């Protein structure tokens, strides 16, 4: 066990492999296709076979958080733009800009 008390090594890592000058460099990880800290690895040459449920949970959680953050950012920016446009209309800046550009009628120049 490491000093912190957690053994974060995935089950695909082999301990005590001998026969090479550097036994901890490649042979110990030979059976691992991928892994992450505090998570198990998957099987070699497969897309999803042997992948732990924690991979799918982590992926779904990350995707959900990303979507929520994107929507929150769009809503925040929309509120800022609406406040700014209301301020510009109230201050008369929008009317001045339209007059300087020669825009008549609606906002599309009609």
PDB file of N, CA and C in Angstrom:
ATOM      1  N   UNK A   1       0.831  -1.190   0.000  1.00  0.00           N
ATOM      2  CA  UNK A   1       0.000   0.000   0.000  1.00  0.00           C
ATOM      3  C   UNK A   1       0.874   1.253   0.000  1.00  0.00           C
ATOM      4  N   UNK A   2       0.492   2.252  -0.767  1.00  0.00           N
ATOM      5  CA  UNK A   2       1.208   3.521  -0.742  1.00  0.00           C
ATOM      6  C   UNK A   2       1.016   4.233   0.593  1.00  0.00           C
ATOM      7  N   UNK A   3       1.758   5.298   0.769  1.00  0.00           N
ATOM      8  CA  UNK A   3       1.729   6.034   2.035  1.00  0.00           C
ATOM      9  C   UNK A   3       0.345   6.585   2.355  1.00  0.00           C
ATOM     10  N   UNK A   4      -0.429   6.967   1.323  1.00  0.00           N
ATOM     11  CA  UNK A   4      -1.749   7.546   1.556  1.00  0.00           C
ATOM     12  C   UNK A   4      -2.797   6.524   1.941  1.00  0.00           C
ATOM     13  N   UNK A   5      -2.514   5.245   1.738  1.00  0.00           N
ATOM     14  CA  UNK A   5      -3.468   4.212   2.093  1.00  0.00           C
ATOM     15  C   UNK A   5      -4.273   3.681   0.924  1.00  0.00           C
ATOM     16  N   UNK A   6      -4.196   4.314  -0.244  1.00  0.00           N
ATOM     17  CA  UNK A   6      -4.949   3.875  -1.411  1.00  0.00           C
ATOM     18  C   UNK A   6      -4.023   3.188  -2.399  1.00  0.00           C
ATOM     19  N   UNK A   7      -4.410   2.061  -2.865  1.00  0.00           N
ATOM     20  CA  UNK A   7      -3.680   1.406  -3.939  1.00  0.00           C
ATOM     21  C   UNK A   7      -4.442   1.703  -5.223  1.00  0.00           C
ATOM     22  N   UNK A   8      -3.972   2.698  -5.962  1.00  0.00           N
ATOM     23  CA  UNK A   8      -4.690   3.148  -7.146  1.00  0.00           C
ATOM     24  C   UNK A   8      -4.267   2.398  -8.406  1.00  0.00           C
ATOM     25  N   UNK A   9      -3.455   1.363  -8.273  1.00  0.00           N
ATOM     26  CA  UNK A   9      -3.000   0.593  -9.424  1.00  0.00           C
ATOM     27  C   UNK A   9      -4.152  -0.222  -9.998  1.00  0.00           C
ATOM     28  N   UNK A  10      -4.414  -0.116 -11.307  1.00  0.00           N
ATOM     29  CA  UNK A  10      -5.477  -0.926 -11.896  1.00  0.00           C
ATOM     30  C   UNK A  10      -5.119  -2.411 -11.865  1.00  0.00           C
ATOM     31  N   UNK A  11      -6.115  -3.287 -11.937  1.00  0.00           N
ATOM     32  CA  UNK A  11      -5.843  -4.721 -11.848  1.00  0.00           C
ATOM     33  C   UNK A  11      -5.035  -5.286 -13.011  1.00  0.00           C
ATOM     34  N   UNK A  12      -4.944  -4.584 -14.134  1.00  0.00           N
ATOM     35  CA  UNK A  12      -4.194  -5.109 -15.269  1.00  0.00           C
ATOM     36  C   UNK A  12      -2.682  -4.978 -15.081  1.00  0.00           C
ATOM     37  N   UNK A  13      -2.210  -4.202 -14.120  1.00  0.00           N
ATOM     38  CA  UNK A  13      -0.776  -4.039 -13.881  1.00  0.00           C
ATOM     39  C   UNK A  13      -0.258  -5.250 -13.129  1.00  0.00           C
ATOM     40  N   UNK A  14       0.824  -5.830 -13.646  1.00  0.00           N
ATOM     41  CA  UNK A  14       1.436  -7.008 -13.023  1.00  0.00           C
ATOM     42  C   UNK A  14       2.582  -6.553 -12.125  1.00  0.00           C
ATOM     43  N   UNK A  15       2.604  -7.067 -10.915  1.00  0.00           N
ATOM     44  CA  UNK A  15       3.665  -6.702  -9.979  1.00  0.00           C
ATOM     45  C   UNK A  15       4.713  -7.809  -9.938  1.00  0.00           C
ATOM     46  N   UNK A  16       5.971  -7.418  -9.745  1.00  0.00           N
ATOM     47  CA  UNK A  16       7.047  -8.392  -9.598  1.00  0.00           C
ATOM     48  C   UNK A  16       7.434  -9.088 -10.876  1.00  0.00           C
ATOM     49  N   UNK A  17       7.307  -8.444 -12.021  1.00  0.00           N
ATOM     50  CA  UNK A  17       7.692  -9.047 -13.303  1.00  0.00           C
ATOM     51  C   UNK A  17       9.210  -9.030 -13.406  1.00  0.00           C
ATOM     52  N   UNK A  18       9.787 -10.168 -13.759  1.00  0.00           N
ATOM     53  CA  UNK A  18      11.248 -10.255 -13.880  1.00  0.00           C
ATOM     54  C   UNK A  18      11.637 -10.598 -15.308  1.00  0.00           C
ATOM     55  N   UNK A  19      12.932 -10.583 -15.565  1.00  0.00           N
ATOM     56  CA  UNK A  19      13.426 -10.999 -16.875  1.00  0.00           C
ATOM     57  C   UNK A  19      13.857  -9.851 -17.758  1.00  0.00           C
ATOM     58  N   UNK A  20      13.684  -8.631 -17.360  1.00  0.00           N
ATOM     59  CA  UNK A  20      14.153  -7.492 -18.135  1.00  0.00           C
ATOM     60  C   UNK A  20      14.991  -6.610 -17.225  1.00  0.00           C
ATOM     61  N   UNK A  21      15.894  -5.817 -17.805  1.00  0.00           N
ATOM     62  CA  UNK A  21      16.716  -4.960 -16.943  1.00  0.00           C
ATOM     63  C   UNK A  21      15.883  -3.902 -16.202  1.00  0.00           C
ATOM     64  N   UNK A  22      14.768  -3.518 -16.784  1.00  0.00           N
ATOM     65  CA  UNK A  22      13.905  -2.519 -16.157  1.00  0.00           C
ATOM     66  C   UNK A  22      12.513  -3.115 -16.019  1.00  0.00           C
ATOM     67  N   UNK A  23      12.270  -3.929 -15.006  1.00  0.00           N
ATOM     68  CA  UNK A  23      11.011  -4.669 -14.916  1.00  0.00           C
ATOM     69  C   UNK A  23       9.775  -3.798 -14.719  1.00  0.00           C
ATOM     70  N   UNK A  24       9.937  -2.571 -14.321  1.00  0.00           N
ATOM     71  CA  UNK A  24       8.764  -1.732 -14.074  1.00  0.00           C
ATOM     72  C   UNK A  24       8.426  -0.807 -15.238  1.00  0.00           C
ATOM     73  N   UNK A  25       9.198  -0.878 -16.335  1.00  0.00           N
ATOM     74  CA  UNK A  25       8.970   0.053 -17.426  1.00  0.00           C
ATOM     75  C   UNK A  25       7.857  -0.405 -18.355  1.00  0.00           C
ATOM     76  N   UNK A  26       7.989  -1.567 -19.004  1.00  0.00           N
ATOM     77  CA  UNK A  26       6.956  -1.990 -19.941  1.00  0.00           C
ATOM     78  C   UNK A  26       6.233  -3.277 -19.540  1.00  0.00           C
ATOM     79  N   UNK A  27       6.934  -4.347 -19.176  1.00  0.00           N
ATOM     80  CA  UNK A  27       6.243  -5.620 -18.934  1.00  0.00           C
ATOM     81  C   UNK A  27       5.144  -5.545 -17.871  1.00  0.00           C
ATOM     82  N   UNK A  28       5.312  -4.718 -16.904  1.00  0.00           N
ATOM     83  CA  UNK A  28       4.278  -4.625 -15.862  1.00  0.00           C
ATOM     84  C   UNK A  28       2.963  -4.107 -16.425  1.00  0.00           C
ATOM     85  N   UNK A  29       3.020  -3.301 -17.477  1.00  0.00           N
ATOM     86  CA  UNK A  29       1.823  -2.683 -18.067  1.00  0.00           C
ATOM     87  C   UNK A  29       1.406  -3.366 -19.367  1.00  0.00           C
ATOM     88  N   UNK A  30       2.006  -4.495 -19.676  1.00  0.00           N
ATOM     89  CA  UNK A  30       1.789  -5.185 -20.947  1.00  0.00           C
ATOM     90  C   UNK A  30       0.325  -5.574 -21.179  1.00  0.00           C
ATOM     91  N   UNK A  31      -0.394  -5.911 -20.158  1.00  0.00           N
ATOM     92  CA  UNK A  31      -1.784  -6.343 -20.301  1.00  0.00           C
ATOM     93  C   UNK A  31      -2.776  -5.185 -20.219  1.00  0.00           C
ATOM     94  N   UNK A  32      -2.290  -3.981 -20.073  1.00  0.00           N
ATOM     95  CA  UNK A  32      -3.177  -2.821 -19.957  1.00  0.00           C
ATOM     96  C   UNK A  32      -3.285  -2.107 -21.299  1.00  0.00           C
ATOM     97  N   UNK A  33      -4.498  -1.842 -21.731  1.00  0.00           N
ATOM     98  CA  UNK A  33      -4.702  -1.033 -22.931  1.00  0.00           C
ATOM     99  C   UNK A  33      -4.748   0.438 -22.531  1.00  0.00           C
ATOM    100  N   UNK A  34      -5.406   0.704 -21.445  1.00  0.00           N
ATOM    101  CA  UNK A  34      -5.502   2.065 -20.922  1.00  0.00           C
ATOM    102  C   UNK A  34      -5.947   1.980 -19.468  1.00  0.00           C
ATOM    103  N   UNK A  35      -5.672   2.994 -18.737  1.00  0.00           N
ATOM    104  CA  UNK A  35      -6.153   3.073 -17.365  1.00  0.00           C
ATOM    105  C   UNK A  35      -6.017   4.497 -16.881  1.00  0.00           C
ATOM    106  N   UNK A  36      -6.696   4.815 -15.829  1.00  0.00           N
ATOM    107  CA  UNK A  36      -6.557   6.111 -15.204  1.00  0.00           C
ATOM    108  C   UNK A  36      -6.456   5.913 -13.700  1.00  0.00           C
ATOM    109  N   UNK A  37      -5.931   6.892 -13.008  1.00  0.00           N
ATOM    110  CA  UNK A  37      -5.738   6.778 -11.577  1.00  0.00           C
ATOM    111  C   UNK A  37      -7.068   6.556 -10.884  1.00  0.00           C
ATOM    112  N   UNK A  38      -7.099   5.649  -9.947  1.00  0.00           N
ATOM    113  CA  UNK A  38      -8.283   5.264  -9.189  1.00  0.00           C
ATOM    114  C   UNK A  38      -9.361   4.642 -10.085  1.00  0.00           C
ATOM    115  N   UNK A  39      -8.968   4.078 -11.221  1.00  0.00           N
ATOM    116  CA  UNK A  39      -9.928   3.419 -12.095  1.00  0.00           C
ATOM    117  C   UNK A  39      -9.312   2.209 -12.762  1.00  0.00           C
ATOM    118  N   UNK A  40     -10.110   1.222 -13.118  1.00  0.00           N
ATOM    119  CA  UNK A  40      -9.576   0.025 -13.760  1.00  0.00           C
ATOM    120  C   UNK A  40      -9.307   0.242 -15.242  1.00  0.00           C
ATOM    121  N   UNK A  41      -8.510  -0.620 -15.826  1.00  0.00           N
ATOM    122  CA  UNK A  41      -8.205  -0.532 -17.251  1.00  0.00           C
ATOM    123  C   UNK A  41      -9.117  -1.418 -18.064  1.00  0.00           C
ATOM    124  N   UNK A  42      -8.988  -1.325 -19.377  1.00  0.00           N
ATOM    125  CA  UNK A  42      -9.791  -2.169 -20.265  1.00  0.00           C
ATOM    126  C   UNK A  42      -8.887  -3.220 -20.897  1.00  0.00           C
ATOM    127  N   UNK A  43      -9.474  -4.092 -21.699  1.00  0.00           N
ATOM    128  CA  UNK A  43      -8.709  -5.154 -22.346  1.00  0.00           C
ATOM    129  C   UNK A  43      -8.080  -4.630 -23.630  1.00  0.00           C
ATOM    130  N   UNK A  44      -6.989  -5.231 -24.030  1.00  0.00           N
ATOM    131  CA  UNK A  44      -6.258  -4.785 -25.224  1.00  0.00           C
ATOM    132  C   UNK A  44      -7.057  -5.118 -26.485  1.00  0.00           C
ATOM    133  N   UNK A  45      -6.960  -4.252 -27.487  1.00  0.00           N
ATOM    134  CA  UNK A  45      -7.554  -4.424 -28.814  1.00  0.00           C
ATOM    135  C   UNK A  45      -9.081  -4.496 -28.796  1.00  0.00           C
ATOM    136  N   UNK A  46      -9.704  -3.875 -27.872  1.00  0.00           N
ATOM    137  CA  UNK A  46     -11.162  -3.832 -27.855  1.00  0.00           C
ATOM    138  C   UNK A  46     -11.610  -2.395 -27.684  1.00  0.00           C
ATOM    139  N   UNK A  47     -12.789  -2.106 -28.172  1.00  0.00           N
ATOM    140  CA  UNK A  47     -13.325  -0.764 -28.028  1.00  0.00           C
ATOM    141  C   UNK A  47     -14.003  -0.613 -26.675  1.00  0.00           C
ATOM    142  N   UNK A  48     -14.839  -1.568 -26.323  1.00  0.00           N
ATOM    143  CA  UNK A  48     -15.574  -1.459 -25.069  1.00  0.00           C
ATOM    144  C   UNK A  48     -15.548  -2.727 -24.239  1.00  0.00           C
ATOM    145  N   UNK A  49     -15.040  -3.833 -24.758  1.00  0.00           N
ATOM    146  CA  UNK A  49     -15.021  -5.075 -23.987  1.00  0.00           C
ATOM    147  C   UNK A  49     -14.097  -4.939 -22.785  1.00  0.00           C
ATOM    148  N   UNK A  50     -14.590  -5.310 -21.652  1.00  0.00           N
ATOM    149  CA  UNK A  50     -13.789  -5.267 -20.442  1.00  0.00           C
ATOM    150  C   UNK A  50     -13.703  -3.898 -19.808  1.00  0.00           C
ATOM    151  N   UNK A  51     -14.352  -2.913 -20.399  1.00  0.00           N
ATOM    152  CA  UNK A  51     -14.319  -1.573 -19.831  1.00  0.00           C
ATOM    153  C   UNK A  51     -15.251  -1.534 -18.626  1.00  0.00           C
ATOM    154  N   UNK A  52     -14.747  -0.972 -17.584  1.00  0.00           N
ATOM    155  CA  UNK A  52     -15.520  -0.906 -16.348  1.00  0.00           C
ATOM    156  C   UNK A  52     -16.673   0.077 -16.480  1.00  0.00           C
ATOM    157  N   UNK A  53     -17.685  -0.138 -15.689  1.00  0.00           N
ATOM    158  CA  UNK A  53     -18.836   0.773 -15.653  1.00  0.00           C
ATOM    159  C   UNK A  53     -18.409   2.168 -15.228  1.00  0.00           C
ATOM    160  N   UNK A  54     -17.347   2.257 -14.438  1.00  0.00           N
ATOM    161  CA  UNK A  54     -16.885   3.569 -13.982  1.00  0.00           C
ATOM    162  C   UNK A  54     -16.437   4.451 -15.146  1.00  0.00           C
ATOM    163  N   UNK A  55     -15.921   3.848 -16.225  1.00  0.00           N
ATOM    164  CA  UNK A  55     -15.583   4.635 -17.415  1.00  0.00           C
ATOM    165  C   UNK A  55     -16.827   5.315 -17.977  1.00  0.00           C
ATOM    166  N   UNK A  56     -17.892   4.542 -18.113  1.00  0.00           N
ATOM    167  CA  UNK A  56     -19.127   5.097 -18.689  1.00  0.00           C
ATOM    168  C   UNK A  56     -19.730   6.143 -17.768  1.00  0.00           C
ATOM    169  N   UNK A  57     -19.690   5.898 -16.472  1.00  0.00           N
ATOM    170  CA  UNK A  57     -20.223   6.877 -15.513  1.00  0.00           C
ATOM    171  C   UNK A  57     -19.408   8.160 -15.581  1.00  0.00           C
ATOM    172  N   UNK A  58     -18.084   8.027 -15.602  1.00  0.00           N
ATOM    173  CA  UNK A  58     -17.221   9.206 -15.676  1.00  0.00           C
ATOM    174  C   UNK A  58     -17.421   9.965 -16.983  1.00  0.00           C
ATOM    175  N   UNK A  59     -17.555   9.241 -18.091  1.00  0.00           N
ATOM    176  CA  UNK A  59     -17.789   9.882 -19.386  1.00  0.00           C
ATOM    177  C   UNK A  59     -19.131  10.608 -19.406  1.00  0.00           C
ATOM    178  N   UNK A  60     -20.186   9.954 -18.916  1.00  0.00           N
ATOM    179  CA  UNK A  60     -21.512  10.584 -18.881  1.00  0.00           C
ATOM    180  C   UNK A  60     -21.512  11.790 -17.958  1.00  0.00           C
ATOM    181  N   UNK A  61     -20.838  11.677 -16.826  1.00  0.00           N
ATOM    182  CA  UNK A  61     -20.770  12.805 -15.898  1.00  0.00           C
ATOM    183  C   UNK A  61     -20.029  13.984 -16.524  1.00  0.00           C
ATOM    184  N   UNK A  62     -18.907  13.709 -17.187  1.00  0.00           N
ATOM    185  CA  UNK A  62     -18.155  14.778 -17.845  1.00  0.00           C
ATOM    186  C   UNK A  62     -18.943  15.436 -18.959  1.00  0.00           C
ATOM    187  N   UNK A  63     -19.656  14.636 -19.759  1.00  0.00           N
ATOM    188  CA  UNK A  63     -20.473  15.181 -20.836  1.00  0.00           C
ATOM    189  C   UNK A  63     -21.603  16.047 -20.283  1.00  0.00           C
ATOM    190  N   UNK A  64     -22.240  15.581 -19.213  1.00  0.00           N
ATOM    191  CA  UNK A  64     -23.331  16.338 -18.592  1.00  0.00           C
ATOM    192  C   UNK A  64     -22.837  17.667 -18.038  1.00  0.00           C
ATOM    193  N   UNK A  65     -21.708  17.637 -17.333  1.00  0.00           N
ATOM    194  CA  UNK A  65     -21.150  18.876 -16.773  1.00  0.00           C
ATOM    195  C   UNK A  65     -20.771  19.837 -17.887  1.00  0.00           C
ATOM    196  N   UNK A  66     -20.198  19.320 -18.978  1.00  0.00           N
ATOM    197  CA  UNK A  66     -19.828  20.174 -20.098  1.00  0.00           C
ATOM    198  C   UNK A  66     -21.061  20.846 -20.712  1.00  0.00           C
ATOM    199  N   UNK A  67     -22.137  20.079 -20.908  1.00  0.00           N
ATOM    200  CA  UNK A  67     -23.365  20.637 -21.491  1.00  0.00           C
ATOM    201  C   UNK A  67     -23.977  21.687 -20.573  1.00  0.00           C
ATOM    202  N   UNK A  68     -24.017  21.411 -19.278  1.00  0.00           N
ATOM    203  CA  UNK A  68     -24.565  22.377 -18.321  1.00  0.00           C
ATOM    204  C   UNK A  68     -23.737  23.655 -18.325  1.00  0.00           C
ATOM    205  N   UNK A  69     -22.409  23.521 -18.353  1.00  0.00           N
ATOM    206  CA  UNK A  69     -21.547  24.704 -18.375  1.00  0.00           C
ATOM    207  C   UNK A  69     -21.746  25.506 -19.660  1.00  0.00           C
ATOM    208  N   UNK A  70     -21.908  24.831 -20.782  1.00  0.00           N
ATOM    209  CA  UNK A  70     -22.119  25.528 -22.052  1.00  0.00           C
ATOM    210  C   UNK A  70     -23.436  26.295 -22.052  1.00  0.00           C
ATOM    211  N   UNK A  71     -24.499  25.660 -21.585  1.00  0.00           N
ATOM    212  CA  UNK A  71     -25.803  26.329 -21.522  1.00  0.00           C
ATOM    213  C   UNK A  71     -25.748  27.504 -20.552  1.00  0.00           C
ATOM    214  N   UNK A  72     -25.098  27.322 -19.403  1.00  0.00           N
ATOM    215  CA  UNK A  72     -24.986  28.418 -18.429  1.00  0.00           C
ATOM    216  C   UNK A  72     -24.202  29.587 -19.014  1.00  0.00           C
ATOM    217  N   UNK A  73     -23.166  29.301 -19.783  1.00  0.00           N
ATOM    218  CA  UNK A  73     -22.376  30.367 -20.395  1.00  0.00           C
ATOM    219  C   UNK A  73     -23.208  31.126 -21.437  1.00  0.00           C
ATOM    220  N   UNK A  74     -23.969  30.402 -22.264  1.00  0.00           N
ATOM    221  CA  UNK A  74     -24.802  31.049 -23.282  1.00  0.00           C
ATOM    222  C   UNK A  74     -25.866  31.909 -22.623  1.00  0.00           C
ATOM    223  N   UNK A  75     -26.511  31.409 -21.585  1.00  0.00           N
ATOM    224  CA  UNK A  75     -27.535  32.185 -20.874  1.00  0.00           C
ATOM    225  C   UNK A  75     -26.921  33.428 -20.237  1.00  0.00           C
ATOM    226  N   UNK A  76     -25.738  33.278 -19.648  1.00  0.00           N
ATOM    227  CA  UNK A  76     -25.058  34.417 -19.030  1.00  0.00           C
ATOM    228  C   UNK A  76     -24.720  35.494 -20.063  1.00  0.00           C
ATOM    229  N   UNK A  77     -24.167  35.080 -21.192  1.00  0.00           N
ATOM    230  CA  UNK A  77     -23.833  36.042 -22.238  1.00  0.00           C
ATOM    231  C   UNK A  77     -25.080  36.704 -22.821  1.00  0.00           C
ATOM    232  N   UNK A  78     -26.174  35.945 -22.958  1.00  0.00           N
ATOM    233  CA  UNK A  78     -27.420  36.505 -23.460  1.00  0.00           C
ATOM    234  C   UNK A  78     -27.934  37.597 -22.517  1.00  0.00           C
ATOM    235  N   UNK A  79     -27.877  37.332 -21.219  1.00  0.00           N
ATOM    236  CA  UNK A  79     -28.310  38.340 -20.236  1.00  0.00           C
ATOM    237  C   UNK A  79     -27.452  39.599 -20.318  1.00  0.00           C
ATOM    238  N   UNK A  80     -26.146  39.424 -20.480  1.00  0.00           N
ATOM    239  CA  UNK A  80     -25.253  40.582 -20.588  1.00  0.00           C
ATOM    240  C   UNK A  80     -25.591  41.408 -21.829  1.00  0.00           C
ATOM    241  N   UNK A  81     -25.824  40.725 -22.956  1.00  0.00           N
ATOM    242  CA  UNK A  81     -26.147  41.443 -24.187  1.00  0.00           C
ATOM    243  C   UNK A  81     -27.480  42.173 -24.090  1.00  0.00           C
ATOM    244  N   UNK A  82     -28.462  41.548 -23.450  1.00  0.00           N
ATOM    245  CA  UNK A  82     -29.757  42.215 -23.280  1.00  0.00           C
ATOM    246  C   UNK A  82     -29.642  43.437 -22.389  1.00  0.00           C
ATOM    247  N   UNK A  83     -28.850  43.325 -21.294  1.00  0.00           N
ATOM    248  CA  UNK A  83     -28.629  44.490 -20.421  1.00  0.00           C
ATOM    249  C   UNK A  83     -27.932  45.605 -21.175  1.00  0.00           C
ATOM    250  N   UNK A  84     -26.917  45.239 -21.968  1.00  0.00           N
ATOM    251  CA  UNK A  84     -26.177  46.253 -22.716  1.00  0.00           C
ATOM    252  C   UNK A  84     -27.062  46.915 -23.764  1.00  0.00           C
ATOM    253  N   UNK A  85     -27.879  46.139 -24.460  1.00  0.00           N
ATOM    254  CA  UNK A  85     -28.747  46.742 -25.472  1.00  0.00           C
ATOM    255  C   UNK A  85     -29.801  47.638 -24.827  1.00  0.00           C
ATOM    256  N   UNK A  86     -30.329  47.232 -23.665  1.00  0.00           N
ATOM    257  CA  UNK A  86     -31.298  48.076 -22.963  1.00  0.00           C
ATOM    258  C   UNK A  86     -30.648  49.383 -22.524  1.00  0.00           C
ATOM    259  N   UNK A  87     -29.403  49.309 -22.066  1.00  0.00           N
ATOM    260  CA  UNK A  87     -28.690  50.522 -21.654  1.00  0.00           C
ATOM    261  C   UNK A  87     -28.454  51.439 -22.850  1.00  0.00           C
ATOM    262  N   UNK A  88     -28.022  50.856 -23.969  1.00  0.00           N
ATOM    263  CA  UNK A  88     -27.749  51.675 -25.146  1.00  0.00           C
ATOM    264  C   UNK A  88     -29.015  52.329 -25.676  1.00  0.00           C
ATOM    265  N   UNK A  89     -30.127  51.620 -25.649  1.00  0.00           N
ATOM    266  CA  UNK A  89     -31.395  52.203 -26.102  1.00  0.00           C
ATOM    267  C   UNK A  89     -31.824  53.311 -25.157  1.00  0.00           C
ATOM    268  N   UNK A  90     -31.714  53.070 -23.856  1.00  0.00           N
ATOM    269  CA  UNK A  90     -32.113  54.067 -22.864  1.00  0.00           C
ATOM    270  C   UNK A  90     -31.236  55.314 -22.947  1.00  0.00           C
ATOM    271  N   UNK A  91     -29.939  55.113 -23.166  1.00  0.00           N
ATOM    272  CA  UNK A  91     -29.016  56.246 -23.233  1.00  0.00           C
ATOM    273  C   UNK A  91     -29.102  56.982 -24.575  1.00  0.00           C
ATOM    274  N   UNK A  92     -29.798  56.405 -25.537  1.00  0.00           N
ATOM    275  CA  UNK A  92     -29.938  57.054 -26.830  1.00  0.00           C
ATOM    276  C   UNK A  92     -28.776  56.785 -27.765  1.00  0.00           C
ATOM    277  N   UNK A  93     -27.860  55.925 -27.369  1.00  0.00           N
ATOM    278  CA  UNK A  93     -26.692  55.639 -28.194  1.00  0.00           C
ATOM    279  C   UNK A  93     -27.110  54.927 -29.476  1.00  0.00           C
ATOM    280  N   UNK A  94     -28.043  54.005 -29.369  1.00  0.00           N
ATOM    281  CA  UNK A  94     -28.477  53.250 -30.549  1.00  0.00           C
ATOM    282  C   UNK A  94     -29.075  54.188 -31.597  1.00  0.00           C
ATOM    283  N   UNK A  95     -29.855  55.166 -31.161  1.00  0.00           N
ATOM    284  CA  UNK A  95     -30.464  56.121 -32.099  1.00  0.00           C
ATOM    285  C   UNK A  95     -29.383  56.953 -32.785  1.00  0.00           C
ATOM    286  N   UNK A  96     -28.389  57.364 -32.026  1.00  0.00           N
ATOM    287  CA  UNK A  96     -27.296  58.169 -32.582  1.00  0.00           C
ATOM    288  C   UNK A  96     -26.510  57.377 -33.623  1.00  0.00           C
ATOM    289  N   UNK A  97     -26.229  56.126 -33.332  1.00  0.00           N
ATOM    290  CA  UNK A  97     -25.477  55.287 -34.271  1.00  0.00           C
ATOM    291  C   UNK A  97     -26.277  55.098 -35.549  1.00  0.00           C
ATOM    292  N   UNK A  98     -27.571  54.849 -35.431  1.00  0.00           N
ATOM    293  CA  UNK A  98     -28.413  54.668 -36.613  1.00  0.00           C
ATOM    294  C   UNK A  98     -28.446  55.939 -37.450  1.00  0.00           C
ATOM    295  N   UNK A  99     -28.499  57.091 -36.783  1.00  0.00           N
ATOM    296  CA  UNK A  99     -28.522  58.360 -37.534  1.00  0.00           C
ATOM    297  C   UNK A  99     -27.197  58.585 -38.250  1.00  0.00           C
ATOM    298  N   UNK A 100     -26.091  58.248 -37.582  1.00  0.00           N
ATOM    299  CA  UNK A 100     -24.783  58.439 -38.207  1.00  0.00           C
ATOM    300  C   UNK A 100     -24.589  57.508 -39.411  1.00  0.00           C
ATOM    301  N   UNK A 101     -25.154  56.322 -39.333  1.00  0.00           N
ATOM    302  CA  UNK A 101     -25.019  55.377 -40.440  1.00  0.00           C
ATOM    303  C   UNK A 101     -26.053  55.606 -41.531  1.00  0.00           C
ATOM    304  N   UNK A 102     -27.021  56.438 -41.262  1.00  0.00           N
ATOM    305  CA  UNK A 102     -28.058  56.716 -42.263  1.00  0.00           C
ATOM    306  C   UNK A 102     -29.105  55.638 -42.334  1.00  0.00           C
ATOM    307  N   UNK A 103     -29.266  54.868 -41.253  1.00  0.00           N
ATOM    308  CA  UNK A 103     -30.265  53.806 -41.224  1.00  0.00           C
ATOM    309  C   UNK A 103     -31.610  54.415 -40.915  1.00  0.00           C
ATOM    310  N   UNK A 104     -32.608  54.066 -41.720  1.00  0.00           N
ATOM    311  CA  UNK A 104     -33.954  54.550 -41.450  1.00  0.00           C
ATOM    312  C   UNK A 104     -34.878  53.361 -41.240  1.00  0.00           C
ATOM    313  N   UNK A 105     -35.899  53.517 -40.468  1.00  0.00           N
ATOM    314  CA  UNK A 105     -36.848  52.437 -40.245  1.00  0.00           C
ATOM    315  C   UNK A 105     -36.373  51.478 -39.170  1.00  0.00           C
ATOM    316  N   UNK A 106     -36.589  50.169 -39.410  1.00  0.00           N
ATOM    317  CA  UNK A 106     -36.265  49.140 -38.422  1.00  0.00           C
ATOM    318  C   UNK A 106     -34.780  48.874 -38.307  1.00  0.00           C
ATOM    319  N   UNK A 107     -34.477  47.871 -37.560  1.00  0.00           N
ATOM    320  CA  UNK A 107     -33.069  47.557 -37.301  1.00  0.00           C
ATOM    321  C   UNK A 107     -32.372  46.955 -38.516  1.00  0.00           C
ATOM    322  N   UNK A 108     -33.131  46.527 -39.544  1.00  0.00           N
ATOM    323  CA  UNK A 108     -32.516  45.924 -40.725  1.00  0.00           C
ATOM    324  C   UNK A 108     -32.376  46.945 -41.859  1.00  0.00           C
ATOM    325  N   UNK A 109     -32.636  48.178 -41.561  1.00  0.00           N
ATOM    326  CA  UNK A 109     -32.439  49.203 -42.580  1.00  0.00           C
ATOM    327  C   UNK A 109     -33.581  49.322 -43.558  1.00  0.00           C
ATOM    328  N   UNK A 110     -34.757  48.810 -43.181  1.00  0.00           N
ATOM    329  CA  UNK A 110     -35.882  48.897 -44.091  1.00  0.00           C
ATOM    330  C   UNK A 110     -36.747  50.098 -43.784  1.00  0.00           C
TER     331      UNK A 110
END
